[in-house]
PDB file of all heavy atoms in Angstrom:
ATOM      1  N   MET A   1      -5.757  -3.920   4.387  1.00  0.00           N
ATOM      2  CA  MET A   1      -4.650  -3.229   5.027  1.00  0.00           C
ATOM      3  C   MET A   1      -3.486  -3.129   4.045  1.00  0.00           C
ATOM      4  O   MET A   1      -3.112  -4.113   3.414  1.00  0.00           O
ATOM      5  CB  MET A   1      -4.238  -3.988   6.279  1.00  0.00           C
ATOM      6  CG  MET A   1      -3.138  -3.320   7.058  1.00  0.00           C
ATOM      7  SD  MET A   1      -2.993  -4.032   8.694  1.00  0.00           S
ATOM      8  CE  MET A   1      -1.337  -4.640   8.618  1.00  0.00           C
ATOM      9  N   ASP A   2      -2.928  -1.940   3.915  1.00  0.00           N
ATOM     10  CA  ASP A   2      -1.783  -1.746   3.030  1.00  0.00           C
ATOM     11  C   ASP A   2      -0.536  -2.343   3.647  1.00  0.00           C
ATOM     12  O   ASP A   2      -0.306  -2.234   4.857  1.00  0.00           O
ATOM     13  CB  ASP A   2      -1.548  -0.253   2.773  1.00  0.00           C
ATOM     14  CG  ASP A   2      -2.610   0.355   1.891  1.00  0.00           C
ATOM     15  OD1 ASP A   2      -3.202  -0.378   1.082  1.00  0.00           O
ATOM     16  OD2 ASP A   2      -2.840   1.563   2.015  1.00  0.00           O
ATOM     17  N   ARG A   3       0.271  -2.939   2.802  1.00  0.00           N
ATOM     18  CA  ARG A   3       1.533  -3.526   3.271  1.00  0.00           C
ATOM     19  C   ARG A   3       2.536  -2.423   3.547  1.00  0.00           C
ATOM     20  O   ARG A   3       2.592  -1.421   2.828  1.00  0.00           O
ATOM     21  CB  ARG A   3       2.060  -4.489   2.222  1.00  0.00           C
ATOM     22  CG  ARG A   3       1.127  -5.686   2.093  1.00  0.00           C
ATOM     23  CD  ARG A   3       1.512  -6.630   1.019  1.00  0.00           C
ATOM     24  NE  ARG A   3       2.930  -6.936   1.036  1.00  0.00           N
ATOM     25  CZ  ARG A   3       3.554  -7.513   0.021  1.00  0.00           C
ATOM     26  NH1 ARG A   3       2.896  -7.827  -1.057  1.00  0.00           N
ATOM     27  NH2 ARG A   3       4.826  -7.773   0.080  1.00  0.00           N
ATOM     28  N   LEU A   4       3.338  -2.594   4.566  1.00  0.00           N
ATOM     29  CA  LEU A   4       4.351  -1.606   4.932  1.00  0.00           C
ATOM     30  C   LEU A   4       5.637  -1.785   4.159  1.00  0.00           C
ATOM     31  O   LEU A   4       6.381  -0.823   3.954  1.00  0.00           O
ATOM     32  CB  LEU A   4       4.639  -1.674   6.436  1.00  0.00           C
ATOM     33  CG  LEU A   4       3.461  -1.364   7.358  1.00  0.00           C
ATOM     34  CD1 LEU A   4       3.861  -1.562   8.803  1.00  0.00           C
ATOM     35  CD2 LEU A   4       2.972   0.048   7.126  1.00  0.00           C
ATOM     36  N   LEU A   5       5.923  -3.024   3.732  1.00  0.00           N
ATOM     37  CA  LEU A   5       7.142  -3.327   2.990  1.00  0.00           C
ATOM     38  C   LEU A   5       6.783  -3.906   1.631  1.00  0.00           C
ATOM     39  O   LEU A   5       5.911  -4.759   1.521  1.00  0.00           O
ATOM     40  CB  LEU A   5       8.011  -4.324   3.766  1.00  0.00           C
ATOM     41  CG  LEU A   5       8.502  -3.873   5.134  1.00  0.00           C
ATOM     42  CD1 LEU A   5       9.213  -5.016   5.845  1.00  0.00           C
ATOM     43  CD2 LEU A   5       9.422  -2.679   5.008  1.00  0.00           C
ATOM     44  N   LEU A   6       7.479  -3.436   0.606  1.00  0.00           N
ATOM     45  CA  LEU A   6       7.196  -3.857  -0.757  1.00  0.00           C
ATOM     46  C   LEU A   6       8.429  -4.468  -1.405  1.00  0.00           C
ATOM     47  O   LEU A   6       9.563  -4.072  -1.106  1.00  0.00           O
ATOM     48  CB  LEU A   6       6.755  -2.641  -1.588  1.00  0.00           C
ATOM     49  CG  LEU A   6       5.579  -1.850  -1.041  1.00  0.00           C
ATOM     50  CD1 LEU A   6       5.458  -0.523  -1.767  1.00  0.00           C
ATOM     51  CD2 LEU A   6       4.310  -2.648  -1.159  1.00  0.00           C
ATOM     52  N   THR A   7       8.219  -5.381  -2.325  1.00  0.00           N
ATOM     53  CA  THR A   7       9.322  -5.907  -3.119  1.00  0.00           C
ATOM     54  C   THR A   7       9.693  -4.853  -4.159  1.00  0.00           C
ATOM     55  O   THR A   7       8.880  -3.966  -4.459  1.00  0.00           O
ATOM     56  CB  THR A   7       8.917  -7.205  -3.844  1.00  0.00           C
ATOM     57  OG1 THR A   7       7.902  -6.887  -4.803  1.00  0.00           O
ATOM     58  CG2 THR A   7       8.423  -8.271  -2.873  1.00  0.00           C
ATOM     59  N   PRO A   8      10.884  -4.938  -4.735  1.00  0.00           N
ATOM     60  CA  PRO A   8      11.236  -4.000  -5.806  1.00  0.00           C
ATOM     61  C   PRO A   8      10.239  -4.037  -6.968  1.00  0.00           C
ATOM     62  O   PRO A   8       9.905  -3.006  -7.539  1.00  0.00           O
ATOM     63  CB  PRO A   8      12.629  -4.450  -6.235  1.00  0.00           C
ATOM     64  CG  PRO A   8      13.212  -5.037  -4.974  1.00  0.00           C
ATOM     65  CD  PRO A   8      12.046  -5.748  -4.329  1.00  0.00           C
ATOM     66  N   GLY A   9       9.727  -5.196  -7.287  1.00  0.00           N
ATOM     67  CA  GLY A   9       8.740  -5.316  -8.353  1.00  0.00           C
ATOM     68  C   GLY A   9       7.443  -4.592  -8.022  1.00  0.00           C
ATOM     69  O   GLY A   9       6.846  -3.924  -8.865  1.00  0.00           O
ATOM     70  N   GLU A  10       7.002  -4.734  -6.778  1.00  0.00           N
ATOM     71  CA  GLU A  10       5.781  -4.035  -6.347  1.00  0.00           C
ATOM     72  C   GLU A  10       5.986  -2.523  -6.340  1.00  0.00           C
ATOM     73  O   GLU A  10       5.102  -1.762  -6.747  1.00  0.00           O
ATOM     74  CB  GLU A  10       5.361  -4.524  -4.960  1.00  0.00           C
ATOM     75  CG  GLU A  10       4.881  -5.958  -4.944  1.00  0.00           C
ATOM     76  CD  GLU A  10       4.768  -6.544  -3.557  1.00  0.00           C
ATOM     77  OE1 GLU A  10       5.424  -6.048  -2.609  1.00  0.00           O
ATOM     78  OE2 GLU A  10       4.016  -7.531  -3.415  1.00  0.00           O
ATOM     79  N   ALA A  11       7.160  -2.094  -5.883  1.00  0.00           N
ATOM     80  CA  ALA A  11       7.475  -0.654  -5.871  1.00  0.00           C
ATOM     81  C   ALA A  11       7.501  -0.113  -7.301  1.00  0.00           C
ATOM     82  O   ALA A  11       6.993   0.972  -7.569  1.00  0.00           O
ATOM     83  CB  ALA A  11       8.812  -0.416  -5.181  1.00  0.00           C
ATOM     84  N   ALA A  12       8.088  -0.886  -8.208  1.00  0.00           N
ATOM     85  CA  ALA A  12       8.140  -0.465  -9.614  1.00  0.00           C
ATOM     86  C   ALA A  12       6.741  -0.304 -10.179  1.00  0.00           C
ATOM     87  O   ALA A  12       6.440   0.680 -10.863  1.00  0.00           O
ATOM     88  CB  ALA A  12       8.931  -1.486 -10.426  1.00  0.00           C
ATOM     89  N   GLN A  13       5.887  -1.242  -9.876  1.00  0.00           N
ATOM     90  CA  GLN A  13       4.519  -1.184 -10.381  1.00  0.00           C
ATOM     91  C   GLN A  13       3.784   0.029  -9.812  1.00  0.00           C
ATOM     92  O   GLN A  13       3.093   0.738 -10.540  1.00  0.00           O
ATOM     93  CB  GLN A  13       3.780  -2.468 -10.027  1.00  0.00           C
ATOM     94  CG  GLN A  13       2.405  -2.550 -10.624  1.00  0.00           C
ATOM     95  CD  GLN A  13       1.746  -3.888 -10.350  1.00  0.00           C
ATOM     96  OE1 GLN A  13       2.177  -4.658  -9.495  1.00  0.00           O
ATOM     97  NE2 GLN A  13       0.683  -4.169 -11.073  1.00  0.00           N
ATOM     98  N   LEU A  14       3.927   0.292  -8.526  1.00  0.00           N
ATOM     99  CA  LEU A  14       3.247   1.428  -7.906  1.00  0.00           C
ATOM    100  C   LEU A  14       3.737   2.764  -8.462  1.00  0.00           C
ATOM    101  O   LEU A  14       2.952   3.696  -8.630  1.00  0.00           O
ATOM    102  CB  LEU A  14       3.444   1.408  -6.388  1.00  0.00           C
ATOM    103  CG  LEU A  14       2.604   0.396  -5.625  1.00  0.00           C
ATOM    104  CD1 LEU A  14       3.020   0.370  -4.162  1.00  0.00           C
ATOM    105  CD2 LEU A  14       1.127   0.720  -5.744  1.00  0.00           C
ATOM    106  N   LEU A  15       5.040   2.855  -8.733  1.00  0.00           N
ATOM    107  CA  LEU A  15       5.602   4.104  -9.238  1.00  0.00           C
ATOM    108  C   LEU A  15       5.492   4.228 -10.755  1.00  0.00           C
ATOM    109  O   LEU A  15       5.731   5.299 -11.307  1.00  0.00           O
ATOM    110  CB  LEU A  15       7.077   4.225  -8.832  1.00  0.00           C
ATOM    111  CG  LEU A  15       7.350   4.413  -7.338  1.00  0.00           C
ATOM    112  CD1 LEU A  15       8.851   4.406  -7.073  1.00  0.00           C
ATOM    113  CD2 LEU A  15       6.722   5.700  -6.822  1.00  0.00           C
ATOM    114  N   GLY A  16       5.164   3.130 -11.415  1.00  0.00           N
ATOM    115  CA  GLY A  16       5.090   3.160 -12.870  1.00  0.00           C
ATOM    116  C   GLY A  16       6.459   3.209 -13.512  1.00  0.00           C
ATOM    117  O   GLY A  16       6.634   3.797 -14.584  1.00  0.00           O
ATOM    118  N   LEU A  17       7.435   2.602 -12.860  1.00  0.00           N
ATOM    119  CA  LEU A  17       8.809   2.568 -13.354  1.00  0.00           C
ATOM    120  C   LEU A  17       9.203   1.116 -13.605  1.00  0.00           C
ATOM    121  O   LEU A  17       8.532   0.192 -13.166  1.00  0.00           O
ATOM    122  CB  LEU A  17       9.762   3.188 -12.318  1.00  0.00           C
ATOM    123  CG  LEU A  17       9.472   4.636 -11.933  1.00  0.00           C
ATOM    124  CD1 LEU A  17      10.343   5.056 -10.755  1.00  0.00           C
ATOM    125  CD2 LEU A  17       9.692   5.549 -13.115  1.00  0.00           C
ATOM    126  N   SER A  18      10.316   0.932 -14.290  1.00  0.00           N
ATOM    127  CA  SER A  18      10.786  -0.439 -14.526  1.00  0.00           C
ATOM    128  C   SER A  18      11.464  -0.981 -13.268  1.00  0.00           C
ATOM    129  O   SER A  18      11.985  -0.228 -12.437  1.00  0.00           O
ATOM    130  CB  SER A  18      11.764  -0.480 -15.695  1.00  0.00           C
ATOM    131  OG  SER A  18      12.986   0.128 -15.344  1.00  0.00           O
ATOM    132  N   LYS A  19      11.456  -2.286 -13.162  1.00  0.00           N
ATOM    133  CA  LYS A  19      12.093  -2.933 -12.017  1.00  0.00           C
ATOM    134  C   LYS A  19      13.604  -2.678 -12.031  1.00  0.00           C
ATOM    135  O   LYS A  19      14.207  -2.448 -10.982  1.00  0.00           O
ATOM    136  CB  LYS A  19      11.794  -4.427 -12.040  1.00  0.00           C
ATOM    137  CG  LYS A  19      12.076  -5.120 -10.733  1.00  0.00           C
ATOM    138  CD  LYS A  19      11.334  -6.439 -10.635  1.00  0.00           C
ATOM    139  CE  LYS A  19      12.216  -7.588 -10.957  1.00  0.00           C
ATOM    140  NZ  LYS A  19      11.599  -8.900 -10.704  1.00  0.00           N
ATOM    141  N   SER A  20      14.197  -2.657 -13.219  1.00  0.00           N
ATOM    142  CA  SER A  20      15.642  -2.420 -13.292  1.00  0.00           C
ATOM    143  C   SER A  20      15.978  -0.999 -12.826  1.00  0.00           C
ATOM    144  O   SER A  20      17.018  -0.787 -12.187  1.00  0.00           O
ATOM    145  CB  SER A  20      16.169  -2.664 -14.708  1.00  0.00           C
ATOM    146  OG  SER A  20      15.577  -1.779 -15.628  1.00  0.00           O
ATOM    147  N   TYR A  21      15.097  -0.023 -13.112  1.00  0.00           N
ATOM    148  CA  TYR A  21      15.350   1.347 -12.640  1.00  0.00           C
ATOM    149  C   TYR A  21      15.224   1.422 -11.116  1.00  0.00           C
ATOM    150  O   TYR A  21      15.987   2.129 -10.464  1.00  0.00           O
ATOM    151  CB  TYR A  21      14.408   2.339 -13.309  1.00  0.00           C
ATOM    152  CG  TYR A  21      14.752   3.760 -12.977  1.00  0.00           C
ATOM    153  CD1 TYR A  21      15.971   4.318 -13.370  1.00  0.00           C
ATOM    154  CD2 TYR A  21      13.877   4.559 -12.266  1.00  0.00           C
ATOM    155  CE1 TYR A  21      16.301   5.614 -13.055  1.00  0.00           C
ATOM    156  CE2 TYR A  21      14.201   5.862 -11.954  1.00  0.00           C
ATOM    157  CZ  TYR A  21      15.414   6.393 -12.351  1.00  0.00           C
ATOM    158  OH  TYR A  21      15.743   7.683 -12.034  1.00  0.00           O
ATOM    159  N   ILE A  22      14.293   0.667 -10.549  1.00  0.00           N
ATOM    160  CA  ILE A  22      14.169   0.607  -9.090  1.00  0.00           C
ATOM    161  C   ILE A  22      15.468   0.075  -8.496  1.00  0.00           C
ATOM    162  O   ILE A  22      15.981   0.617  -7.504  1.00  0.00           O
ATOM    163  CB  ILE A  22      12.968  -0.261  -8.660  1.00  0.00           C
ATOM    164  CG1 ILE A  22      11.658   0.389  -9.080  1.00  0.00           C
ATOM    165  CG2 ILE A  22      12.989  -0.524  -7.156  1.00  0.00           C
ATOM    166  CD1 ILE A  22      11.348   1.721  -8.430  1.00  0.00           C
ATOM    167  N   TYR A  23      16.039  -0.966  -9.114  1.00  0.00           N
ATOM    168  CA  TYR A  23      17.307  -1.503  -8.610  1.00  0.00           C
ATOM    169  C   TYR A  23      18.438  -0.476  -8.731  1.00  0.00           C
ATOM    170  O   TYR A  23      19.314  -0.414  -7.871  1.00  0.00           O
ATOM    171  CB  TYR A  23      17.665  -2.816  -9.317  1.00  0.00           C
ATOM    172  CG  TYR A  23      16.939  -3.997  -8.720  1.00  0.00           C
ATOM    173  CD1 TYR A  23      15.916  -4.627  -9.415  1.00  0.00           C
ATOM    174  CD2 TYR A  23      17.263  -4.476  -7.456  1.00  0.00           C
ATOM    175  CE1 TYR A  23      15.241  -5.717  -8.868  1.00  0.00           C
ATOM    176  CE2 TYR A  23      16.595  -5.558  -6.896  1.00  0.00           C
ATOM    177  CZ  TYR A  23      15.593  -6.166  -7.604  1.00  0.00           C
ATOM    178  OH  TYR A  23      14.929  -7.231  -7.043  1.00  0.00           O
ATOM    179  N   GLU A  24      18.417   0.351  -9.780  1.00  0.00           N
ATOM    180  CA  GLU A  24      19.412   1.425  -9.896  1.00  0.00           C
ATOM    181  C   GLU A  24      19.241   2.431  -8.761  1.00  0.00           C
ATOM    182  O   GLU A  24      20.235   2.886  -8.179  1.00  0.00           O
ATOM    183  CB  GLU A  24      19.265   2.150 -11.236  1.00  0.00           C
ATOM    184  CG  GLU A  24      19.719   1.359 -12.431  1.00  0.00           C
ATOM    185  CD  GLU A  24      19.494   2.108 -13.740  1.00  0.00           C
ATOM    186  OE1 GLU A  24      19.532   3.356 -13.733  1.00  0.00           O
ATOM    187  OE2 GLU A  24      19.283   1.438 -14.762  1.00  0.00           O
ATOM    188  N   LEU A  25      18.001   2.785  -8.455  1.00  0.00           N
ATOM    189  CA  LEU A  25      17.740   3.712  -7.351  1.00  0.00           C
ATOM    190  C   LEU A  25      18.180   3.118  -6.017  1.00  0.00           C
ATOM    191  O   LEU A  25      18.710   3.827  -5.153  1.00  0.00           O
ATOM    192  CB  LEU A  25      16.250   4.076  -7.306  1.00  0.00           C
ATOM    193  CG  LEU A  25      15.702   4.892  -8.470  1.00  0.00           C
ATOM    194  CD1 LEU A  25      14.186   5.019  -8.361  1.00  0.00           C
ATOM    195  CD2 LEU A  25      16.350   6.261  -8.520  1.00  0.00           C
ATOM    196  N   LEU A  26      17.983   1.820  -5.852  1.00  0.00           N
ATOM    197  CA  LEU A  26      18.411   1.150  -4.624  1.00  0.00           C
ATOM    198  C   LEU A  26      19.936   1.127  -4.515  1.00  0.00           C
ATOM    199  O   LEU A  26      20.498   1.389  -3.455  1.00  0.00           O
ATOM    200  CB  LEU A  26      17.857  -0.276  -4.570  1.00  0.00           C
ATOM    201  CG  LEU A  26      16.334  -0.398  -4.433  1.00  0.00           C
ATOM    202  CD1 LEU A  26      15.905  -1.847  -4.600  1.00  0.00           C
ATOM    203  CD2 LEU A  26      15.859   0.171  -3.121  1.00  0.00           C
ATOM    204  N   ALA A  27      20.615   0.834  -5.641  1.00  0.00           N
ATOM    205  CA  ALA A  27      22.082   0.774  -5.641  1.00  0.00           C
ATOM    206  C   ALA A  27      22.699   2.131  -5.335  1.00  0.00           C
ATOM    207  O   ALA A  27      23.719   2.215  -4.648  1.00  0.00           O
ATOM    208  CB  ALA A  27      22.582   0.261  -6.987  1.00  0.00           C
ATOM    209  N   SER A  28      22.059   3.201  -5.822  1.00  0.00           N
ATOM    210  CA  SER A  28      22.589   4.547  -5.571  1.00  0.00           C
ATOM    211  C   SER A  28      22.120   5.107  -4.228  1.00  0.00           C
ATOM    212  O   SER A  28      22.472   6.226  -3.870  1.00  0.00           O
ATOM    213  CB  SER A  28      22.145   5.496  -6.686  1.00  0.00           C
ATOM    214  OG  SER A  28      20.749   5.704  -6.638  1.00  0.00           O
TER     215      SER A  28
END
């Protein structure tokens, strides 16, 4: 079963982006 909620690190890995860029997207 796929998880409904992801950590920023997991989201970064799935999108192929850096974790710091994910945090920038979250901040904005």
